[in-house]
Amino acid sequence: MSSASVQSKYYSLALWGMVIILAVSNGLLLRQNLQLRNLLKKFEPDQLKAGDKLEPFSASGLNGETVAIDFASGGPRRVFMFLSPNCPYCREQFSYWKKLIDLAPANCFQVVAVAMNSEDRSKLAAYLNTMGYPADSKTFSVALIPEEVRQKYKFTITPTTLVISSDGKADAVWTGLLKPSDVEAASAILGL
């Protein structure tokens, strides 16, 4: 056997050894990645789902008035818009929300802008004014909620759009910026 042939055999064995080591390493990394994904799922925020039953609440309004949200048989369907004036996605989404606000009286539903009671009221009012919110509307209100309500309604991401039936069940929940298919689905649910 020539030395070139022996050397070629060693290179071939070394190459196959490296391939096996890389395959085992990739398998271990894949396993570790799957374990980490499962671990991270435990830390994802719990989100409201369609069909979840919601409790009535009272909150402070933008001008200090009390905003009572109750769910009575025959009452209106509601659209909650969880927002923050600091959220650029809320600003981008507000054009669709404004459409809902404008269509609410003719379609017998109410729209409620929901923000944390820790928000600066003057900043929130200025934000809503720039978005064209109707201050004198009977079908639009602003509710500044305490932390306990945020937790019960599982508001974790702004913007969140929530459609609630008159009996207090979540008909649909969208977190984050609405995609065109979400806008179509929300419009269909509201009969628009």
C-alpha atoms as a PDB file:
ATOM      1  CA  MET A   1       0.000   0.000   0.000  1.00  0.00           C
ATOM      2  CA  SER A   2       1.449   3.321  -0.995  1.00  0.00           C
ATOM      3  CA  SER A   3       1.843   6.162   1.421  1.00  0.00           C
ATOM      4  CA  ALA A   4      -0.520   8.299  -0.710  1.00  0.00           C
ATOM      5  CA  SER A   5      -3.183   5.603  -0.390  1.00  0.00           C
ATOM      6  CA  VAL A   6      -2.706   5.390   3.402  1.00  0.00           C
ATOM      7  CA  GLN A   7      -2.771   9.148   3.670  1.00  0.00           C
ATOM      8  CA  SER A   8      -5.973   9.276   1.573  1.00  0.00           C
ATOM      9  CA  LYS A   9      -7.539   6.674   3.873  1.00  0.00           C
ATOM     10  CA  TYR A  10      -6.660   8.742   6.963  1.00  0.00           C
ATOM     11  CA  TYR A  11      -8.104  11.905   5.384  1.00  0.00           C
ATOM     12  CA  SER A  12     -11.245  10.009   4.495  1.00  0.00           C
ATOM     13  CA  LEU A  13     -11.589   8.671   8.059  1.00  0.00           C
ATOM     14  CA  ALA A  14     -10.882  12.122   9.503  1.00  0.00           C
ATOM     15  CA  LEU A  15     -13.484  13.655   7.204  1.00  0.00           C
ATOM     16  CA  TRP A  16     -16.095  11.059   8.180  1.00  0.00           C
ATOM     17  CA  GLY A  17     -15.221  11.591  11.844  1.00  0.00           C
ATOM     18  CA  MET A  18     -15.786  15.343  11.463  1.00  0.00           C
ATOM     19  CA  VAL A  19     -19.107  14.727   9.692  1.00  0.00           C
ATOM     20  CA  ILE A  20     -20.234  12.480  12.550  1.00  0.00           C
ATOM     21  CA  ILE A  21     -19.105  15.020  15.163  1.00  0.00           C
ATOM     22  CA  LEU A  22     -20.949  17.821  13.330  1.00  0.00           C
ATOM     23  CA  ALA A  23     -24.107  15.691  13.006  1.00  0.00           C
ATOM     24  CA  VAL A  24     -24.057  14.861  16.726  1.00  0.00           C
ATOM     25  CA  SER A  25     -23.384  18.527  17.606  1.00  0.00           C
ATOM     26  CA  ASN A  26     -26.250  19.694  15.408  1.00  0.00           C
ATOM     27  CA  GLY A  27     -28.561  17.108  16.971  1.00  0.00           C
ATOM     28  CA  LEU A  28     -27.613  18.281  20.468  1.00  0.00           C
ATOM     29  CA  LEU A  29     -28.084  21.937  19.509  1.00  0.00           C
ATOM     30  CA  LEU A  30     -31.487  21.172  17.991  1.00  0.00           C
ATOM     31  CA  ARG A  31     -32.532  19.364  21.172  1.00  0.00           C
ATOM     32  CA  GLN A  32     -31.304  22.278  23.297  1.00  0.00           C
ATOM     33  CA  ASN A  33     -33.167  24.771  21.067  1.00  0.00           C
ATOM     34  CA  LEU A  34     -36.438  22.843  21.463  1.00  0.00           C
ATOM     35  CA  GLN A  35     -35.976  22.677  25.232  1.00  0.00           C
ATOM     36  CA  LEU A  36     -35.352  26.439  25.385  1.00  0.00           C
ATOM     37  CA  ARG A  37     -38.444  27.154  23.276  1.00  0.00           C
ATOM     38  CA  ASN A  38     -40.577  25.095  25.643  1.00  0.00           C
ATOM     39  CA  LEU A  39     -39.054  26.896  28.604  1.00  0.00           C
ATOM     40  CA  LEU A  40     -39.713  30.318  27.039  1.00  0.00           C
ATOM     41  CA  LYS A  41     -43.379  29.435  26.430  1.00  0.00           C
ATOM     42  CA  LYS A  42     -43.839  29.426  30.196  1.00  0.00           C
ATOM     43  CA  PHE A  43     -42.896  33.120  30.245  1.00  0.00           C
ATOM     44  CA  GLU A  44     -45.168  34.236  27.399  1.00  0.00           C
ATOM     45  CA  PRO A  45     -47.975  36.482  28.578  1.00  0.00           C
ATOM     46  CA  ASP A  46     -51.299  34.773  29.109  1.00  0.00           C
ATOM     47  CA  GLN A  47     -53.628  36.187  26.487  1.00  0.00           C
ATOM     48  CA  LEU A  48     -57.373  36.403  26.310  1.00  0.00           C
ATOM     49  CA  LYS A  49     -58.979  33.988  23.867  1.00  0.00           C
ATOM     50  CA  ALA A  50     -62.267  34.001  22.000  1.00  0.00           C
ATOM     51  CA  GLY A  51     -64.933  32.462  24.235  1.00  0.00           C
ATOM     52  CA  ASP A  52     -63.391  33.656  27.527  1.00  0.00           C
ATOM     53  CA  LYS A  53     -65.984  35.142  29.897  1.00  0.00           C
ATOM     54  CA  LEU A  54     -65.208  38.646  31.129  1.00  0.00           C
ATOM     55  CA  GLU A  55     -66.249  40.418  34.309  1.00  0.00           C
ATOM     56  CA  PRO A  56     -67.847  43.878  34.474  1.00  0.00           C
ATOM     57  CA  PHE A  57     -65.710  46.693  35.839  1.00  0.00           C
ATOM     58  CA  SER A  58     -65.749  50.393  36.619  1.00  0.00           C
ATOM     59  CA  ALA A  59     -62.937  52.724  35.693  1.00  0.00           C
ATOM     60  CA  SER A  60     -62.184  56.378  35.652  1.00  0.00           C
ATOM     61  CA  GLY A  61     -62.922  58.290  32.450  1.00  0.00           C
ATOM     62  CA  LEU A  62     -60.665  60.783  30.759  1.00  0.00           C
ATOM     63  CA  ASN A  63     -62.359  63.691  32.568  1.00  0.00           C
ATOM     64  CA  GLY A  64     -62.672  61.969  35.939  1.00  0.00           C
ATOM     65  CA  GLU A  65     -66.158  60.546  35.316  1.00  0.00           C
ATOM     66  CA  THR A  66     -66.949  56.913  36.105  1.00  0.00           C
ATOM     67  CA  VAL A  67     -67.071  54.546  33.151  1.00  0.00           C
ATOM     68  CA  ALA A  68     -69.096  51.438  34.017  1.00  0.00           C
ATOM     69  CA  ILE A  69     -68.666  48.397  31.808  1.00  0.00           C
ATOM     70  CA  ASP A  70     -71.361  45.840  32.483  1.00  0.00           C
ATOM     71  CA  PHE A  71     -72.679  42.976  30.449  1.00  0.00           C
ATOM     72  CA  ALA A  72     -76.439  42.737  30.414  1.00  0.00           C
ATOM     73  CA  SER A  73     -78.641  40.685  28.179  1.00  0.00           C
ATOM     74  CA  GLY A  74     -79.624  42.808  25.218  1.00  0.00           C
ATOM     75  CA  GLY A  75     -76.852  45.295  25.882  1.00  0.00           C
ATOM     76  CA  PRO A  76     -74.500  46.501  23.186  1.00  0.00           C
ATOM     77  CA  ARG A  77     -71.566  44.583  21.799  1.00  0.00           C
ATOM     78  CA  ARG A  78     -68.314  46.356  22.645  1.00  0.00           C
ATOM     79  CA  VAL A  79     -64.991  46.892  20.964  1.00  0.00           C
ATOM     80  CA  PHE A  80     -62.115  47.561  23.345  1.00  0.00           C
ATOM     81  CA  MET A  81     -59.010  49.256  22.008  1.00  0.00           C
ATOM     82  CA  PHE A  82     -56.158  48.788  24.482  1.00  0.00           C
ATOM     83  CA  LEU A  83     -53.707  51.539  23.682  1.00  0.00           C
ATOM     84  CA  SER A  84     -50.992  53.838  24.884  1.00  0.00           C
ATOM     85  CA  PRO A  85     -50.140  57.262  23.462  1.00  0.00           C
ATOM     86  CA  ASN A  86     -46.496  56.118  23.419  1.00  0.00           C
ATOM     87  CA  CYS A  87     -47.220  53.140  21.146  1.00  0.00           C
ATOM     88  CA  PRO A  88     -46.369  53.808  17.472  1.00  0.00           C
ATOM     89  CA  TYR A  89     -48.435  50.789  16.398  1.00  0.00           C
ATOM     90  CA  CYS A  90     -51.519  52.214  18.133  1.00  0.00           C
ATOM     91  CA  ARG A  91     -51.089  55.408  16.116  1.00  0.00           C
ATOM     92  CA  GLU A  92     -50.797  53.375  12.916  1.00  0.00           C
ATOM     93  CA  GLN A  93     -53.842  51.282  13.793  1.00  0.00           C
ATOM     94  CA  PHE A  94     -56.011  54.177  14.890  1.00  0.00           C
ATOM     95  CA  SER A  95     -57.308  54.805  11.368  1.00  0.00           C
ATOM     96  CA  TYR A  96     -59.177  51.478  11.526  1.00  0.00           C
ATOM     97  CA  TRP A  97     -60.280  52.135  15.105  1.00  0.00           C
ATOM     98  CA  LYS A  98     -61.554  55.571  13.998  1.00  0.00           C
ATOM     99  CA  LYS A  99     -63.619  53.851  11.304  1.00  0.00           C
ATOM    100  CA  LEU A 100     -65.168  51.657  14.012  1.00  0.00           C
ATOM    101  CA  ILE A 101     -65.860  54.697  16.188  1.00  0.00           C
ATOM    102  CA  ASP A 102     -67.605  56.451  13.288  1.00  0.00           C
ATOM    103  CA  LEU A 103     -69.689  53.358  12.383  1.00  0.00           C
ATOM    104  CA  ALA A 104     -70.629  52.389  15.957  1.00  0.00           C
ATOM    105  CA  PRO A 105     -73.882  54.406  16.293  1.00  0.00           C
ATOM    106  CA  ALA A 106     -75.444  52.968  13.133  1.00  0.00           C
ATOM    107  CA  ASN A 107     -74.336  49.427  13.982  1.00  0.00           C
ATOM    108  CA  CYS A 108     -75.370  49.341  17.660  1.00  0.00           C
ATOM    109  CA  PHE A 109     -72.028  48.681  19.285  1.00  0.00           C
ATOM    110  CA  GLN A 110     -69.838  50.728  21.596  1.00  0.00           C
ATOM    111  CA  VAL A 111     -66.154  51.467  21.277  1.00  0.00           C
ATOM    112  CA  VAL A 112     -64.083  51.868  24.429  1.00  0.00           C
ATOM    113  CA  ALA A 113     -60.511  53.135  24.359  1.00  0.00           C
ATOM    114  CA  VAL A 114     -58.798  51.381  27.249  1.00  0.00           C
ATOM    115  CA  ALA A 115     -55.576  52.703  28.750  1.00  0.00           C
ATOM    116  CA  MET A 116     -53.831  52.243  32.069  1.00  0.00           C
ATOM    117  CA  ASN A 117     -54.823  54.678  34.815  1.00  0.00           C
ATOM    118  CA  SER A 118     -51.109  55.425  35.200  1.00  0.00           C
ATOM    119  CA  GLU A 119     -51.088  57.157  31.775  1.00  0.00           C
ATOM    120  CA  ASP A 120     -50.692  60.936  31.749  1.00  0.00           C
ATOM    121  CA  ARG A 121     -54.303  62.095  31.142  1.00  0.00           C
ATOM    122  CA  SER A 122     -53.343  65.284  29.331  1.00  0.00           C
ATOM    123  CA  LYS A 123     -50.995  63.379  27.031  1.00  0.00           C
ATOM    124  CA  LEU A 124     -53.692  60.750  26.397  1.00  0.00           C
ATOM    125  CA  ALA A 125     -56.301  63.456  25.693  1.00  0.00           C
ATOM    126  CA  ALA A 126     -53.939  65.213  23.278  1.00  0.00           C
ATOM    127  CA  TYR A 127     -53.205  61.894  21.554  1.00  0.00           C
ATOM    128  CA  LEU A 128     -56.908  61.069  21.182  1.00  0.00           C
ATOM    129  CA  ASN A 129     -57.634  64.587  19.898  1.00  0.00           C
ATOM    130  CA  THR A 130     -54.973  64.261  17.193  1.00  0.00           C
ATOM    131  CA  MET A 131     -56.582  60.948  16.234  1.00  0.00           C
ATOM    132  CA  GLY A 132     -59.977  62.665  15.892  1.00  0.00           C
ATOM    133  CA  TYR A 133     -61.787  61.108  18.822  1.00  0.00           C
ATOM    134  CA  PRO A 134     -65.389  62.287  19.239  1.00  0.00           C
ATOM    135  CA  ALA A 135     -65.573  63.726  22.747  1.00  0.00           C
ATOM    136  CA  ASP A 136     -69.365  64.028  22.652  1.00  0.00           C
ATOM    137  CA  SER A 137     -70.177  60.536  21.360  1.00  0.00           C
ATOM    138  CA  LYS A 138     -72.576  58.224  23.204  1.00  0.00           C
ATOM    139  CA  THR A 139     -70.973  55.168  21.592  1.00  0.00           C
ATOM    140  CA  PHE A 140     -67.336  56.010  22.399  1.00  0.00           C
ATOM    141  CA  SER A 141     -65.712  56.330  25.791  1.00  0.00           C
ATOM    142  CA  VAL A 142     -62.299  56.197  27.389  1.00  0.00           C
ATOM    143  CA  ALA A 143     -61.673  53.924  30.383  1.00  0.00           C
ATOM    144  CA  LEU A 144     -58.516  54.330  32.461  1.00  0.00           C
ATOM    145  CA  ILE A 145     -58.195  50.938  34.077  1.00  0.00           C
ATOM    146  CA  PRO A 146     -56.345  49.863  37.209  1.00  0.00           C
ATOM    147  CA  GLU A 147     -53.794  47.066  37.162  1.00  0.00           C
ATOM    148  CA  GLU A 148     -56.282  44.466  38.449  1.00  0.00           C
ATOM    149  CA  VAL A 149     -58.571  45.024  35.437  1.00  0.00           C
ATOM    150  CA  ARG A 150     -55.581  44.862  33.069  1.00  0.00           C
ATOM    151  CA  GLN A 151     -54.695  41.488  34.555  1.00  0.00           C
ATOM    152  CA  LYS A 152     -58.255  40.117  34.392  1.00  0.00           C
ATOM    153  CA  TYR A 153     -58.615  41.175  30.758  1.00  0.00           C
ATOM    154  CA  LYS A 154     -55.060  39.974  30.046  1.00  0.00           C
ATOM    155  CA  PHE A 155     -54.076  43.194  28.310  1.00  0.00           C
ATOM    156  CA  THR A 156     -50.336  42.796  27.805  1.00  0.00           C
ATOM    157  CA  ILE A 157     -49.619  44.157  24.344  1.00  0.00           C
ATOM    158  CA  THR A 158     -50.546  47.479  22.746  1.00  0.00           C
ATOM    159  CA  PRO A 159     -52.419  47.667  20.543  1.00  0.00           C
ATOM    160  CA  THR A 160     -54.978  45.021  21.441  1.00  0.00           C
ATOM    161  CA  THR A 161     -58.399  44.968  19.815  1.00  0.00           C
ATOM    162  CA  LEU A 162     -61.082  43.012  21.634  1.00  0.00           C
ATOM    163  CA  VAL A 163     -64.681  42.406  20.519  1.00  0.00           C
ATOM    164  CA  ILE A 164     -67.000  41.485  23.400  1.00  0.00           C
ATOM    165  CA  SER A 165     -70.548  40.176  23.049  1.00  0.00           C
ATOM    166  CA  SER A 166     -73.391  41.697  25.064  1.00  0.00           C
ATOM    167  CA  ASP A 167     -73.194  38.789  27.531  1.00  0.00           C
ATOM    168  CA  GLY A 168     -69.513  39.436  28.288  1.00  0.00           C
ATOM    169  CA  LYS A 169     -67.826  36.763  26.184  1.00  0.00           C
ATOM    170  CA  ALA A 170     -64.804  37.601  24.077  1.00  0.00           C
ATOM    171  CA  ASP A 171     -65.881  37.163  20.464  1.00  0.00           C
ATOM    172  CA  ALA A 172     -62.421  37.896  19.078  1.00  0.00           C
ATOM    173  CA  VAL A 173     -59.032  39.131  20.263  1.00  0.00           C
ATOM    174  CA  TRP A 174     -56.230  40.592  18.172  1.00  0.00           C
ATOM    175  CA  THR A 175     -52.922  41.580  19.748  1.00  0.00           C
ATOM    176  CA  GLY A 176     -50.466  43.781  17.957  1.00  0.00           C
ATOM    177  CA  LEU A 177     -51.008  45.690  14.750  1.00  0.00           C
ATOM    178  CA  LEU A 178     -54.012  44.440  12.795  1.00  0.00           C
ATOM    179  CA  LYS A 179     -53.182  42.756   9.491  1.00  0.00           C
ATOM    180  CA  PRO A 180     -55.576  43.209   6.530  1.00  0.00           C
ATOM    181  CA  SER A 181     -57.063  39.754   7.217  1.00  0.00           C
ATOM    182  CA  ASP A 182     -57.670  40.785  10.863  1.00  0.00           C
ATOM    183  CA  VAL A 183     -59.449  43.962   9.714  1.00  0.00           C
ATOM    184  CA  GLU A 184     -61.673  41.836   7.437  1.00  0.00           C
ATOM    185  CA  ALA A 185     -62.426  39.397  10.263  1.00  0.00           C
ATOM    186  CA  ALA A 186     -63.195  42.187  12.752  1.00  0.00           C
ATOM    187  CA  SER A 187     -65.415  43.945  10.237  1.00  0.00           C
ATOM    188  CA  ALA A 188     -67.283  40.708   9.523  1.00  0.00           C
ATOM    189  CA  ILE A 189     -67.827  40.013  13.238  1.00  0.00           C
ATOM    190  CA  LEU A 190     -69.210  43.530  13.706  1.00  0.00           C
ATOM    191  CA  GLY A 191     -71.385  43.281  10.602  1.00  0.00           C
ATOM    192  CA  LEU A 192     -69.656  46.092   8.728  1.00  0.00           C
END
